[in-house]
C-alpha atoms as a PDB file:
ATOM      1  CA  MET A   1      17.072   7.675   3.431  1.00  0.00           C
ATOM      2  CA  ALA A   2      14.507   5.880   5.507  1.00  0.00           C
ATOM      3  CA  GLN A   3      14.686   2.507   3.755  1.00  0.00           C
ATOM      4  CA  SER A   4      18.404   1.988   4.401  1.00  0.00           C
ATOM      5  CA  PRO A   5      18.175   0.291   7.825  1.00  0.00           C
ATOM      6  CA  ALA A   6      15.442  -2.063   6.602  1.00  0.00           C
ATOM      7  CA  ALA A   7      17.456  -2.955   3.496  1.00  0.00           C
ATOM      8  CA  TYR A   8      20.524  -3.542   5.663  1.00  0.00           C
ATOM      9  CA  VAL A   9      18.706  -6.096   7.824  1.00  0.00           C
ATOM     10  CA  VAL A  10      17.385  -7.945   4.776  1.00  0.00           C
ATOM     11  CA  ALA A  11      20.810  -7.994   3.087  1.00  0.00           C
ATOM     12  CA  LEU A  12      22.515  -9.173   6.250  1.00  0.00           C
ATOM     13  CA  THR A  13      20.022 -12.016   6.686  1.00  0.00           C
ATOM     14  CA  TRP A  14      20.401 -13.056   3.056  1.00  0.00           C
ATOM     15  CA  VAL A  15      24.198 -13.089   3.326  1.00  0.00           C
ATOM     16  CA  MET A  16      24.138 -15.074   6.558  1.00  0.00           C
ATOM     17  CA  ASN A  17      21.884 -17.703   4.985  1.00  0.00           C
ATOM     18  CA  THR A  18      23.817 -17.813   1.720  1.00  0.00           C
ATOM     19  CA  TYR A  19      27.317 -18.309   3.105  1.00  0.00           C
ATOM     20  CA  SER A  20      26.676 -21.232   5.372  1.00  0.00           C
ATOM     21  CA  GLN A  21      29.472 -23.524   4.159  1.00  0.00           C
ATOM     22  CA  SER A  22      32.343 -22.243   6.285  1.00  0.00           C
ATOM     23  CA  GLN A  23      32.590 -19.886   9.222  1.00  0.00           C
ATOM     24  CA  SER A  24      35.410 -17.860   7.661  1.00  0.00           C
ATOM     25  CA  LYS A  25      33.418 -17.094   4.477  1.00  0.00           C
ATOM     26  CA  ARG A  26      30.403 -16.148   6.549  1.00  0.00           C
ATOM     27  CA  ALA A  27      32.467 -13.861   8.791  1.00  0.00           C
ATOM     28  CA  ALA A  28      34.064 -12.135   5.787  1.00  0.00           C
ATOM     29  CA  ALA A  29      30.668 -11.625   4.115  1.00  0.00           C
ATOM     30  CA  ILE A  30      29.132 -10.205   7.289  1.00  0.00           C
ATOM     31  CA  ALA A  31      32.115  -7.880   7.738  1.00  0.00           C
ATOM     32  CA  LEU A  32      31.761  -6.679   4.140  1.00  0.00           C
ATOM     33  CA  ILE A  33      28.046  -5.957   4.573  1.00  0.00           C
ATOM     34  CA  ASN A  34      28.688  -4.119   7.855  1.00  0.00           C
ATOM     35  CA  THR A  35      31.463  -2.057   6.279  1.00  0.00           C
ATOM     36  CA  MET A  36      29.382  -1.087   3.259  1.00  0.00           C
ATOM     37  CA  SER A  37      26.382  -0.114   5.383  1.00  0.00           C
ATOM     38  CA  SER A  38      28.514   2.008   7.711  1.00  0.00           C
ATOM     39  CA  THR A  39      30.225   3.693   4.776  1.00  0.00           C
ATOM     40  CA  GLY A  40      26.863   4.604   3.289  1.00  0.00           C
ATOM     41  CA  LEU A  41      25.528   6.044   6.514  1.00  0.00           C
ATOM     42  CA  ILE A  42      28.673   8.082   7.173  1.00  0.00           C
ATOM     43  CA  SER A  43      29.036   9.464   3.649  1.00  0.00           C
ATOM     44  CA  SER A  44      25.342  10.311   3.287  1.00  0.00           C
ATOM     45  CA  ALA A  45      25.782  13.274   5.629  1.00  0.00           C
ATOM     46  CA  TYR A  46      27.895  14.941   2.927  1.00  0.00           C
ATOM     47  CA  PHE A  47      25.220  14.523   0.222  1.00  0.00           C
ATOM     48  CA  TRP A  48      23.154  17.421   1.563  1.00  0.00           C
ATOM     49  CA  PRO A  49      25.316  20.588   1.476  1.00  0.00           C
ATOM     50  CA  SER A  50      23.418  23.814   2.012  1.00  0.00           C
ATOM     51  CA  SER A  51      24.782  25.173  -1.275  1.00  0.00           C
ATOM     52  CA  TRP A  52      22.610  22.618  -3.118  1.00  0.00           C
ATOM     53  CA  GLY A  53      19.443  23.821  -1.386  1.00  0.00           C
ATOM     54  CA  PRO A  54      16.601  24.568  -1.256  1.00  0.00           C
ATOM     55  CA  SER A  55      15.625  21.956  -3.863  1.00  0.00           C
ATOM     56  CA  TYR A  56      18.533  19.523  -3.215  1.00  0.00           C
ATOM     57  CA  VAL A  57      18.099  17.958  -6.664  1.00  0.00           C
ATOM     58  CA  ASN A  58      21.692  16.687  -6.719  1.00  0.00           C
ATOM     59  CA  SER A  59      21.239  15.087  -3.306  1.00  0.00           C
ATOM     60  CA  TYR A  60      18.098  13.267  -4.385  1.00  0.00           C
ATOM     61  CA  LEU A  61      19.788  12.118  -7.588  1.00  0.00           C
ATOM     62  CA  ILE A  62      22.649  10.635  -5.567  1.00  0.00           C
ATOM     63  CA  CYS A  63      20.166   8.789  -3.337  1.00  0.00           C
ATOM     64  CA  ILE A  64      18.224   7.472  -6.322  1.00  0.00           C
ATOM     65  CA  PHE A  65      21.418   6.374  -8.063  1.00  0.00           C
ATOM     66  CA  THR A  66      22.726   4.498  -5.024  1.00  0.00           C
ATOM     67  CA  SER A  67      19.358   2.781  -4.569  1.00  0.00           C
ATOM     68  CA  VAL A  68      19.348   1.662  -8.209  1.00  0.00           C
ATOM     69  CA  VAL A  69      22.921   0.370  -7.916  1.00  0.00           C
ATOM     70  CA  SER A  70      21.984  -1.548  -4.769  1.00  0.00           C
ATOM     71  CA  ILE A  71      18.979  -3.147  -6.455  1.00  0.00           C
ATOM     72  CA  ALA A  72      21.099  -4.075  -9.481  1.00  0.00           C
ATOM     73  CA  MET A  73      23.757  -5.660  -7.262  1.00  0.00           C
ATOM     74  CA  CYS A  74      21.134  -7.749  -5.459  1.00  0.00           C
ATOM     75  CA  TRP A  75      19.679  -8.870  -8.789  1.00  0.00           C
ATOM     76  CA  VAL A  76      23.143  -9.888 -10.084  1.00  0.00           C
ATOM     77  CA  PHE A  77      23.767 -11.810  -6.857  1.00  0.00           C
ATOM     78  CA  ARG A  78      20.426 -13.587  -7.212  1.00  0.00           C
ATOM     79  CA  VAL A  79      21.199 -14.566 -10.818  1.00  0.00           C
ATOM     80  CA  HIS A  80      24.599 -15.881  -9.738  1.00  0.00           C
ATOM     81  CA  LEU A  81      23.046 -18.002  -6.991  1.00  0.00           C
ATOM     82  CA  SER A  82      20.460 -19.371  -9.427  1.00  0.00           C
ATOM     83  CA  ARG A  83      23.221 -20.427 -11.821  1.00  0.00           C
ATOM     84  CA  CYS A  84      25.134 -22.067  -8.970  1.00  0.00           C
ATOM     85  CA  ASN A  85      21.983 -24.014  -8.043  1.00  0.00           C
ATOM     86  CA  GLU A  86      21.489 -25.116 -11.659  1.00  0.00           C
ATOM     87  CA  THR A  87      25.121 -26.232 -11.901  1.00  0.00           C
ATOM     88  CA  ALA A  88      24.859 -28.220  -8.677  1.00  0.00           C
ATOM     89  CA  GLU A  89      21.633 -29.864  -9.849  1.00  0.00           C
ATOM     90  CA  ALA A  90      23.187 -30.826 -13.191  1.00  0.00           C
ATOM     91  CA  GLU A  91      26.223 -32.347 -11.447  1.00  0.00           C
ATOM     92  CA  GLU A  92      24.009 -34.350  -9.108  1.00  0.00           C
ATOM     93  CA  GLN A  93      21.941 -35.696 -12.001  1.00  0.00           C
ATOM     94  CA  VAL A  94      25.051 -36.728 -13.958  1.00  0.00           C
ATOM     95  CA  LEU A  95      26.593 -38.457 -10.939  1.00  0.00           C
ATOM     96  CA  GLY A  96      23.291 -39.898  -9.722  1.00  0.00           C
ATOM     97  CA  LEU A  97      23.548 -38.266  -6.303  1.00  0.00           C
ATOM     98  CA  PRO A  98      20.611 -37.229  -4.090  1.00  0.00           C
ATOM     99  CA  GLU A  99      19.679 -33.552  -3.895  1.00  0.00           C
ATOM    100  CA  GLY A 100      22.249 -31.654  -1.853  1.00  0.00           C
ATOM    101  CA  PHE A 101      22.824 -28.086  -0.754  1.00  0.00           C
ATOM    102  CA  ARG A 102      20.967 -25.284  -2.536  1.00  0.00           C
ATOM    103  CA  TYR A 103      21.329 -21.544  -2.097  1.00  0.00           C
ATOM    104  CA  LEU A 104      18.331 -19.609  -0.826  1.00  0.00           C
ATOM    105  CA  ILE A 105      16.968 -17.364  -3.549  1.00  0.00           C
END
């Protein structure tokens, strides 16, 4: 689908900005995003068999489902980062420390 490359660039940028603590975590996250995007592009060629034509309803349903799953995963990741930010802020207030690292949301 046409939005996949644009979504890949946005996800890659978000991951690179989120995992900035250590180089090894960042490298693993980038490798995971690259692997998942390549897997999607390779497997998508098999979602359009000619036996499903001419309407290709099953193919469109697969594309819609994977898009919904992707959006849900991004939302869960965003909620997780928000909770991590809240936890860090609470710790800093208890210990009386200045504001430190926060995840980009």
